[in-house]
């Protein structure tokens, strides 16, 4: 049985951003609920400047969830180091 592959041009489609595909994929998996492409809103900004800021925030969100997840055997150490880092002054954090 052969199926036709269809590539949708989504609202946030970009040909200029080749570095954030993984972050966009994570957002797509997080927001897709089975709706069609016209009804699906991943909330990814179309404007390049806004999109860059948004993707930086999402990258931080996803990496934090991965690092502190219970399955990570080093999560407690990472959390402890984060709490210690938080106690430092702004100058010390640099």
PDB file of N, CA and C in Angstrom:
ATOM      1  N   UNK A   1       0.847  -1.176   0.000  1.00  0.00           N
ATOM      2  CA  UNK A   1       0.000   0.000   0.000  1.00  0.00           C
ATOM      3  C   UNK A   1       0.896   1.244   0.000  1.00  0.00           C
ATOM      4  N   UNK A   2       0.711   2.109  -0.967  1.00  0.00           N
ATOM      5  CA  UNK A   2       1.500   3.340  -1.047  1.00  0.00           C
ATOM      6  C   UNK A   2       0.663   4.510  -0.554  1.00  0.00           C
ATOM      7  N   UNK A   3       1.317   5.392   0.156  1.00  0.00           N
ATOM      8  CA  UNK A   3       0.673   6.607   0.653  1.00  0.00           C
ATOM      9  C   UNK A   3       1.409   7.809   0.094  1.00  0.00           C
ATOM     10  N   UNK A   4       0.660   8.842  -0.209  1.00  0.00           N
ATOM     11  CA  UNK A   4       1.249  10.077  -0.705  1.00  0.00           C
ATOM     12  C   UNK A   4       1.735  10.916   0.476  1.00  0.00           C
ATOM     13  N   UNK A   5       2.934  11.446   0.349  1.00  0.00           N
ATOM     14  CA  UNK A   5       3.483  12.319   1.375  1.00  0.00           C
ATOM     15  C   UNK A   5       3.038  13.751   1.083  1.00  0.00           C
ATOM     16  N   UNK A   6       2.500  14.401   2.103  1.00  0.00           N
ATOM     17  CA  UNK A   6       2.043  15.780   1.949  1.00  0.00           C
ATOM     18  C   UNK A   6       2.815  16.639   2.949  1.00  0.00           C
ATOM     19  N   UNK A   7       3.437  17.696   2.461  1.00  0.00           N
ATOM     20  CA  UNK A   7       4.141  18.633   3.338  1.00  0.00           C
ATOM     21  C   UNK A   7       3.289  19.887   3.435  1.00  0.00           C
ATOM     22  N   UNK A   8       2.867  20.192   4.642  1.00  0.00           N
ATOM     23  CA  UNK A   8       2.018  21.354   4.864  1.00  0.00           C
ATOM     24  C   UNK A   8       2.868  22.605   5.048  1.00  0.00           C
ATOM     25  N   UNK A   9       2.421  23.695   4.461  1.00  0.00           N
ATOM     26  CA  UNK A   9       3.029  25.005   4.721  1.00  0.00           C
ATOM     27  C   UNK A   9       2.299  25.586   5.923  1.00  0.00           C
ATOM     28  N   UNK A  10       2.922  25.462   7.072  1.00  0.00           N
ATOM     29  CA  UNK A  10       2.303  25.926   8.307  1.00  0.00           C
ATOM     30  C   UNK A  10       2.490  27.426   8.476  1.00  0.00           C
ATOM     31  N   UNK A  11       1.678  28.037   9.338  1.00  0.00           N
ATOM     32  CA  UNK A  11       1.706  29.494   9.533  1.00  0.00           C
ATOM     33  C   UNK A  11       3.086  30.007   9.907  1.00  0.00           C
ATOM     34  N   UNK A  12       3.830  29.233  10.656  1.00  0.00           N
ATOM     35  CA  UNK A  12       5.134  29.651  11.153  1.00  0.00           C
ATOM     36  C   UNK A  12       6.279  29.163  10.271  1.00  0.00           C
ATOM     37  N   UNK A  13       5.963  28.662   9.093  1.00  0.00           N
ATOM     38  CA  UNK A  13       6.960  28.133   8.162  1.00  0.00           C
ATOM     39  C   UNK A  13       8.058  29.154   7.902  1.00  0.00           C
ATOM     40  N   UNK A  14       9.287  28.695   7.917  1.00  0.00           N
ATOM     41  CA  UNK A  14      10.402  29.581   7.627  1.00  0.00           C
ATOM     42  C   UNK A  14      11.455  28.835   6.824  1.00  0.00           C
ATOM     43  N   UNK A  15      12.098  29.527   5.928  1.00  0.00           N
ATOM     44  CA  UNK A  15      13.214  28.944   5.181  1.00  0.00           C
ATOM     45  C   UNK A  15      14.522  29.577   5.629  1.00  0.00           C
ATOM     46  N   UNK A  16      14.445  30.505   6.585  1.00  0.00           N
ATOM     47  CA  UNK A  16      15.623  31.247   7.035  1.00  0.00           C
ATOM     48  C   UNK A  16      16.239  30.696   8.310  1.00  0.00           C
ATOM     49  N   UNK A  17      15.528  29.856   9.030  1.00  0.00           N
ATOM     50  CA  UNK A  17      16.011  29.372  10.312  1.00  0.00           C
ATOM     51  C   UNK A  17      16.382  27.897  10.195  1.00  0.00           C
ATOM     52  N   UNK A  18      17.668  27.634  10.096  1.00  0.00           N
ATOM     53  CA  UNK A  18      18.140  26.254   9.950  1.00  0.00           C
ATOM     54  C   UNK A  18      18.707  25.691  11.257  1.00  0.00           C
ATOM     55  N   UNK A  19      18.633  26.444  12.348  1.00  0.00           N
ATOM     56  CA  UNK A  19      19.264  26.043  13.599  1.00  0.00           C
ATOM     57  C   UNK A  19      18.302  25.572  14.674  1.00  0.00           C
ATOM     58  N   UNK A  20      17.024  25.805  14.511  1.00  0.00           N
ATOM     59  CA  UNK A  20      16.077  25.555  15.595  1.00  0.00           C
ATOM     60  C   UNK A  20      15.063  24.467  15.290  1.00  0.00           C
ATOM     61  N   UNK A  21      15.362  23.621  14.326  1.00  0.00           N
ATOM     62  CA  UNK A  21      14.419  22.570  13.942  1.00  0.00           C
ATOM     63  C   UNK A  21      14.031  21.661  15.083  1.00  0.00           C
ATOM     64  N   UNK A  22      14.997  21.323  15.932  1.00  0.00           N
ATOM     65  CA  UNK A  22      14.714  20.433  17.051  1.00  0.00           C
ATOM     66  C   UNK A  22      13.775  21.077  18.070  1.00  0.00           C
ATOM     67  N   UNK A  23      13.984  22.365  18.330  1.00  0.00           N
ATOM     68  CA  UNK A  23      13.123  23.079  19.278  1.00  0.00           C
ATOM     69  C   UNK A  23      11.713  23.194  18.697  1.00  0.00           C
ATOM     70  N   UNK A  24      11.618  23.489  17.401  1.00  0.00           N
ATOM     71  CA  UNK A  24      10.300  23.568  16.755  1.00  0.00           C
ATOM     72  C   UNK A  24       9.609  22.209  16.790  1.00  0.00           C
ATOM     73  N   UNK A  25      10.364  21.146  16.563  1.00  0.00           N
ATOM     74  CA  UNK A  25       9.783  19.802  16.617  1.00  0.00           C
ATOM     75  C   UNK A  25       9.233  19.499  18.005  1.00  0.00           C
ATOM     76  N   UNK A  26       9.979  19.850  19.041  1.00  0.00           N
ATOM     77  CA  UNK A  26       9.501  19.635  20.414  1.00  0.00           C
ATOM     78  C   UNK A  26       8.197  20.407  20.644  1.00  0.00           C
ATOM     79  N   UNK A  27       8.153  21.658  20.164  1.00  0.00           N
ATOM     80  CA  UNK A  27       6.942  22.467  20.324  1.00  0.00           C
ATOM     81  C   UNK A  27       5.785  21.855  19.545  1.00  0.00           C
ATOM     82  N   UNK A  28       6.060  21.351  18.358  1.00  0.00           N
ATOM     83  CA  UNK A  28       5.010  20.727  17.549  1.00  0.00           C
ATOM     84  C   UNK A  28       4.445  19.511  18.282  1.00  0.00           C
ATOM     85  N   UNK A  29       5.321  18.682  18.852  1.00  0.00           N
ATOM     86  CA  UNK A  29       4.857  17.496  19.591  1.00  0.00           C
ATOM     87  C   UNK A  29       4.063  17.893  20.832  1.00  0.00           C
ATOM     88  N   UNK A  30       4.440  19.001  21.431  1.00  0.00           N
ATOM     89  CA  UNK A  30       3.775  19.477  22.642  1.00  0.00           C
ATOM     90  C   UNK A  30       2.372  20.016  22.349  1.00  0.00           C
ATOM     91  N   UNK A  31       2.167  20.606  21.177  1.00  0.00           N
ATOM     92  CA  UNK A  31       0.911  21.300  20.899  1.00  0.00           C
ATOM     93  C   UNK A  31      -0.027  20.562  19.946  1.00  0.00           C
ATOM     94  N   UNK A  32       0.468  19.563  19.217  1.00  0.00           N
ATOM     95  CA  UNK A  32      -0.381  18.867  18.244  1.00  0.00           C
ATOM     96  C   UNK A  32      -1.346  17.935  18.951  1.00  0.00           C
ATOM     97  N   UNK A  33      -2.624  18.098  18.663  1.00  0.00           N
ATOM     98  CA  UNK A  33      -3.667  17.286  19.305  1.00  0.00           C
ATOM     99  C   UNK A  33      -4.530  16.559  18.270  1.00  0.00           C
ATOM    100  N   UNK A  34      -3.996  16.356  17.062  1.00  0.00           N
ATOM    101  CA  UNK A  34      -4.709  15.628  16.029  1.00  0.00           C
ATOM    102  C   UNK A  34      -5.511  16.508  15.075  1.00  0.00           C
ATOM    103  N   UNK A  35      -5.480  17.795  15.289  1.00  0.00           N
ATOM    104  CA  UNK A  35      -6.220  18.701  14.424  1.00  0.00           C
ATOM    105  C   UNK A  35      -5.500  18.864  13.072  1.00  0.00           C
ATOM    106  N   UNK A  36      -6.210  19.362  12.088  1.00  0.00           N
ATOM    107  CA  UNK A  36      -5.612  19.595  10.775  1.00  0.00           C
ATOM    108  C   UNK A  36      -4.686  20.798  10.799  1.00  0.00           C
ATOM    109  N   UNK A  37      -3.887  20.961   9.753  1.00  0.00           N
ATOM    110  CA  UNK A  37      -2.901  22.048   9.727  1.00  0.00           C
ATOM    111  C   UNK A  37      -3.512  23.445   9.786  1.00  0.00           C
ATOM    112  N   UNK A  38      -4.728  23.604   9.315  1.00  0.00           N
ATOM    113  CA  UNK A  38      -5.366  24.926   9.343  1.00  0.00           C
ATOM    114  C   UNK A  38      -5.902  25.279  10.728  1.00  0.00           C
ATOM    115  N   UNK A  39      -6.137  24.277  11.554  1.00  0.00           N
ATOM    116  CA  UNK A  39      -6.676  24.505  12.896  1.00  0.00           C
ATOM    117  C   UNK A  39      -5.617  24.384  13.988  1.00  0.00           C
ATOM    118  N   UNK A  40      -4.417  24.019  13.614  1.00  0.00           N
ATOM    119  CA  UNK A  40      -3.355  23.759  14.581  1.00  0.00           C
ATOM    120  C   UNK A  40      -2.550  25.023  14.829  1.00  0.00           C
ATOM    121  N   UNK A  41      -2.412  25.378  16.085  1.00  0.00           N
ATOM    122  CA  UNK A  41      -1.628  26.557  16.445  1.00  0.00           C
ATOM    123  C   UNK A  41      -0.557  26.158  17.444  1.00  0.00           C
ATOM    124  N   UNK A  42       0.682  26.103  16.983  1.00  0.00           N
ATOM    125  CA  UNK A  42       1.788  25.754  17.875  1.00  0.00           C
ATOM    126  C   UNK A  42       2.234  26.985  18.667  1.00  0.00           C
ATOM    127  N   UNK A  43       1.654  28.123  18.340  1.00  0.00           N
ATOM    128  CA  UNK A  43       1.979  29.407  18.962  1.00  0.00           C
ATOM    129  C   UNK A  43       3.400  29.866  18.651  1.00  0.00           C
ATOM    130  N   UNK A  44       4.027  29.263  17.639  1.00  0.00           N
ATOM    131  CA  UNK A  44       5.344  29.731  17.203  1.00  0.00           C
ATOM    132  C   UNK A  44       5.128  31.008  16.388  1.00  0.00           C
ATOM    133  N   UNK A  45       5.856  32.033  16.745  1.00  0.00           N
ATOM    134  CA  UNK A  45       5.719  33.335  16.100  1.00  0.00           C
ATOM    135  C   UNK A  45       6.196  33.277  14.647  1.00  0.00           C
ATOM    136  N   UNK A  46       5.532  34.022  13.800  1.00  0.00           N
ATOM    137  CA  UNK A  46       5.952  34.120  12.397  1.00  0.00           C
ATOM    138  C   UNK A  46       7.081  35.145  12.250  1.00  0.00           C
ATOM    139  N   UNK A  47       6.991  36.244  12.984  1.00  0.00           N
ATOM    140  CA  UNK A  47       8.000  37.290  12.941  1.00  0.00           C
ATOM    141  C   UNK A  47       9.342  36.728  13.416  1.00  0.00           C
ATOM    142  N   UNK A  48      10.394  36.887  12.603  1.00  0.00           N
ATOM    143  CA  UNK A  48      11.700  36.285  12.889  1.00  0.00           C
ATOM    144  C   UNK A  48      12.293  36.727  14.229  1.00  0.00           C
ATOM    145  N   UNK A  49      12.182  37.998  14.551  1.00  0.00           N
ATOM    146  CA  UNK A  49      12.753  38.512  15.798  1.00  0.00           C
ATOM    147  C   UNK A  49      12.010  37.937  17.004  1.00  0.00           C
ATOM    148  N   UNK A  50      10.688  37.955  16.944  1.00  0.00           N
ATOM    149  CA  UNK A  50       9.878  37.393  18.033  1.00  0.00           C
ATOM    150  C   UNK A  50      10.102  35.885  18.139  1.00  0.00           C
ATOM    151  N   UNK A  51      10.232  35.230  16.975  1.00  0.00           N
ATOM    152  CA  UNK A  51      10.447  33.794  16.948  1.00  0.00           C
ATOM    153  C   UNK A  51      11.770  33.423  17.618  1.00  0.00           C
ATOM    154  N   UNK A  52      12.801  34.203  17.369  1.00  0.00           N
ATOM    155  CA  UNK A  52      14.109  33.931  17.964  1.00  0.00           C
ATOM    156  C   UNK A  52      14.030  33.984  19.491  1.00  0.00           C
ATOM    157  N   UNK A  53      13.375  35.017  20.020  1.00  0.00           N
ATOM    158  CA  UNK A  53      13.201  35.154  21.469  1.00  0.00           C
ATOM    159  C   UNK A  53      12.385  33.988  22.018  1.00  0.00           C
ATOM    160  N   UNK A  54      11.325  33.655  21.339  1.00  0.00           N
ATOM    161  CA  UNK A  54      10.451  32.573  21.773  1.00  0.00           C
ATOM    162  C   UNK A  54      11.194  31.235  21.769  1.00  0.00           C
ATOM    163  N   UNK A  55      11.969  30.966  20.730  1.00  0.00           N
ATOM    164  CA  UNK A  55      12.687  29.700  20.639  1.00  0.00           C
ATOM    165  C   UNK A  55      13.783  29.592  21.695  1.00  0.00           C
ATOM    166  N   UNK A  56      14.392  30.709  22.063  1.00  0.00           N
ATOM    167  CA  UNK A  56      15.383  30.710  23.135  1.00  0.00           C
ATOM    168  C   UNK A  56      14.713  30.311  24.451  1.00  0.00           C
ATOM    169  N   UNK A  57      13.539  30.857  24.708  1.00  0.00           N
ATOM    170  CA  UNK A  57      12.781  30.521  25.913  1.00  0.00           C
ATOM    171  C   UNK A  57      12.378  29.050  25.909  1.00  0.00           C
ATOM    172  N   UNK A  58      11.894  28.570  24.764  1.00  0.00           N
ATOM    173  CA  UNK A  58      11.494  27.167  24.668  1.00  0.00           C
ATOM    174  C   UNK A  58      12.690  26.234  24.839  1.00  0.00           C
ATOM    175  N   UNK A  59      13.830  26.600  24.261  1.00  0.00           N
ATOM    176  CA  UNK A  59      15.046  25.787  24.402  1.00  0.00           C
ATOM    177  C   UNK A  59      15.405  25.644  25.883  1.00  0.00           C
ATOM    178  N   UNK A  60      15.342  26.747  26.617  1.00  0.00           N
ATOM    179  CA  UNK A  60      15.628  26.715  28.057  1.00  0.00           C
ATOM    180  C   UNK A  60      14.637  25.825  28.790  1.00  0.00           C
ATOM    181  N   UNK A  61      13.377  25.938  28.428  1.00  0.00           N
ATOM    182  CA  UNK A  61      12.331  25.129  29.057  1.00  0.00           C
ATOM    183  C   UNK A  61      12.587  23.636  28.839  1.00  0.00           C
ATOM    184  N   UNK A  62      12.877  23.248  27.598  1.00  0.00           N
ATOM    185  CA  UNK A  62      13.054  21.836  27.279  1.00  0.00           C
ATOM    186  C   UNK A  62      14.332  21.263  27.887  1.00  0.00           C
ATOM    187  N   UNK A  63      15.418  22.019  27.832  1.00  0.00           N
ATOM    188  CA  UNK A  63      16.670  21.496  28.394  1.00  0.00           C
ATOM    189  C   UNK A  63      16.557  21.358  29.914  1.00  0.00           C
ATOM    190  N   UNK A  64      15.852  22.272  30.554  1.00  0.00           N
ATOM    191  CA  UNK A  64      15.651  22.175  32.002  1.00  0.00           C
ATOM    192  C   UNK A  64      14.854  20.925  32.345  1.00  0.00           C
ATOM    193  N   UNK A  65      13.790  20.680  31.605  1.00  0.00           N
ATOM    194  CA  UNK A  65      12.977  19.486  31.862  1.00  0.00           C
ATOM    195  C   UNK A  65      13.788  18.206  31.675  1.00  0.00           C
ATOM    196  N   UNK A  66      14.658  18.182  30.695  1.00  0.00           N
ATOM    197  CA  UNK A  66      15.492  17.011  30.451  1.00  0.00           C
ATOM    198  C   UNK A  66      16.510  16.838  31.576  1.00  0.00           C
ATOM    199  N   UNK A  67      17.169  17.920  31.966  1.00  0.00           N
ATOM    200  CA  UNK A  67      18.226  17.838  32.976  1.00  0.00           C
ATOM    201  C   UNK A  67      17.721  17.457  34.364  1.00  0.00           C
ATOM    202  N   UNK A  68      16.552  17.942  34.747  1.00  0.00           N
ATOM    203  CA  UNK A  68      16.067  17.679  36.105  1.00  0.00           C
ATOM    204  C   UNK A  68      15.059  16.535  36.180  1.00  0.00           C
ATOM    205  N   UNK A  69      14.850  15.852  35.071  1.00  0.00           N
ATOM    206  CA  UNK A  69      13.935  14.718  35.053  1.00  0.00           C
ATOM    207  C   UNK A  69      14.467  13.594  35.935  1.00  0.00           C
ATOM    208  N   UNK A  70      13.571  12.885  36.600  1.00  0.00           N
ATOM    209  CA  UNK A  70      13.951  11.795  37.505  1.00  0.00           C
ATOM    210  C   UNK A  70      14.767  10.700  36.816  1.00  0.00           C
ATOM    211  N   UNK A  71      14.589  10.527  35.527  1.00  0.00           N
ATOM    212  CA  UNK A  71      15.325   9.478  34.814  1.00  0.00           C
ATOM    213  C   UNK A  71      16.809   9.821  34.669  1.00  0.00           C
ATOM    214  N   UNK A  72      17.145  11.102  34.790  1.00  0.00           N
ATOM    215  CA  UNK A  72      18.545  11.538  34.725  1.00  0.00           C
ATOM    216  C   UNK A  72      19.204  11.229  36.076  1.00  0.00           C
ATOM    217  N   UNK A  73      20.191  10.347  36.068  1.00  0.00           N
ATOM    218  CA  UNK A  73      20.825   9.946  37.335  1.00  0.00           C
ATOM    219  C   UNK A  73      21.590  11.090  37.990  1.00  0.00           C
ATOM    220  N   UNK A  74      21.838  12.167  37.255  1.00  0.00           N
ATOM    221  CA  UNK A  74      22.556  13.321  37.797  1.00  0.00           C
ATOM    222  C   UNK A  74      21.631  14.485  38.132  1.00  0.00           C
ATOM    223  N   UNK A  75      20.314  14.273  38.062  1.00  0.00           N
ATOM    224  CA  UNK A  75      19.374  15.390  38.247  1.00  0.00           C
ATOM    225  C   UNK A  75      19.522  16.057  39.619  1.00  0.00           C
ATOM    226  N   UNK A  76      19.705  15.288  40.680  1.00  0.00           N
ATOM    227  CA  UNK A  76      19.842  15.889  42.014  1.00  0.00           C
ATOM    228  C   UNK A  76      21.083  16.771  42.088  1.00  0.00           C
ATOM    229  N   UNK A  77      22.182  16.314  41.515  1.00  0.00           N
ATOM    230  CA  UNK A  77      23.414  17.101  41.500  1.00  0.00           C
ATOM    231  C   UNK A  77      23.211  18.400  40.706  1.00  0.00           C
ATOM    232  N   UNK A  78      22.520  18.309  39.585  1.00  0.00           N
ATOM    233  CA  UNK A  78      22.253  19.491  38.757  1.00  0.00           C
ATOM    234  C   UNK A  78      21.381  20.488  39.519  1.00  0.00           C
ATOM    235  N   UNK A  79      20.378  19.991  40.203  1.00  0.00           N
ATOM    236  CA  UNK A  79      19.495  20.865  40.993  1.00  0.00           C
ATOM    237  C   UNK A  79      20.287  21.539  42.118  1.00  0.00           C
ATOM    238  N   UNK A  80      21.124  20.767  42.817  1.00  0.00           N
ATOM    239  CA  UNK A  80      21.942  21.329  43.893  1.00  0.00           C
ATOM    240  C   UNK A  80      22.876  22.417  43.365  1.00  0.00           C
ATOM    241  N   UNK A  81      23.523  22.139  42.233  1.00  0.00           N
ATOM    242  CA  UNK A  81      24.430  23.137  41.649  1.00  0.00           C
ATOM    243  C   UNK A  81      23.663  24.385  41.217  1.00  0.00           C
ATOM    244  N   UNK A  82      22.463  24.202  40.703  1.00  0.00           N
ATOM    245  CA  UNK A  82      21.635  25.344  40.317  1.00  0.00           C
ATOM    246  C   UNK A  82      21.263  26.207  41.508  1.00  0.00           C
ATOM    247  N   UNK A  83      20.920  25.564  42.610  1.00  0.00           N
ATOM    248  CA  UNK A  83      20.578  26.307  43.823  1.00  0.00           C
ATOM    249  C   UNK A  83      21.791  27.060  44.377  1.00  0.00           C
ATOM    250  N   UNK A  84      22.959  26.441  44.306  1.00  0.00           N
ATOM    251  CA  UNK A  84      24.189  27.112  44.745  1.00  0.00           C
ATOM    252  C   UNK A  84      24.508  28.296  43.832  1.00  0.00           C
ATOM    253  N   UNK A  85      24.331  28.108  42.537  1.00  0.00           N
ATOM    254  CA  UNK A  85      24.587  29.172  41.565  1.00  0.00           C
ATOM    255  C   UNK A  85      23.675  30.365  41.819  1.00  0.00           C
ATOM    256  N   UNK A  86      22.423  30.073  42.166  1.00  0.00           N
ATOM    257  CA  UNK A  86      21.425  31.109  42.432  1.00  0.00           C
ATOM    258  C   UNK A  86      21.836  32.011  43.599  1.00  0.00           C
ATOM    259  N   UNK A  87      22.610  31.480  44.547  1.00  0.00           N
ATOM    260  CA  UNK A  87      23.056  32.237  45.724  1.00  0.00           C
ATOM    261  C   UNK A  87      24.173  33.230  45.394  1.00  0.00           C
ATOM    262  N   UNK A  88      24.845  33.028  44.254  1.00  0.00           N
ATOM    263  CA  UNK A  88      25.960  33.892  43.877  1.00  0.00           C
ATOM    264  C   UNK A  88      25.469  35.269  43.452  1.00  0.00           C
ATOM    265  N   UNK A  89      26.315  36.259  43.592  1.00  0.00           N
ATOM    266  CA  UNK A  89      25.988  37.598  43.087  1.00  0.00           C
ATOM    267  C   UNK A  89      26.054  37.564  41.561  1.00  0.00           C
ATOM    268  N   UNK A  90      25.531  38.579  40.943  1.00  0.00           N
ATOM    269  CA  UNK A  90      25.559  38.672  39.485  1.00  0.00           C
ATOM    270  C   UNK A  90      26.992  38.636  38.968  1.00  0.00           C
ATOM    271  N   UNK A  91      27.881  39.307  39.652  1.00  0.00           N
ATOM    272  CA  UNK A  91      29.290  39.315  39.248  1.00  0.00           C
ATOM    273  C   UNK A  91      29.904  37.929  39.370  1.00  0.00           C
ATOM    274  N   UNK A  92      29.595  37.229  40.442  1.00  0.00           N
ATOM    275  CA  UNK A  92      30.139  35.896  40.657  1.00  0.00           C
ATOM    276  C   UNK A  92      29.596  34.895  39.631  1.00  0.00           C
ATOM    277  N   UNK A  93      28.385  35.128  39.163  1.00  0.00           N
ATOM    278  CA  UNK A  93      27.766  34.235  38.186  1.00  0.00           C
ATOM    279  C   UNK A  93      28.430  34.336  36.818  1.00  0.00           C
ATOM    280  N   UNK A  94      29.130  35.422  36.557  1.00  0.00           N
ATOM    281  CA  UNK A  94      29.814  35.580  35.264  1.00  0.00           C
ATOM    282  C   UNK A  94      31.011  34.741  35.274  1.00  0.00           C
TER     283      UNK A  94
END
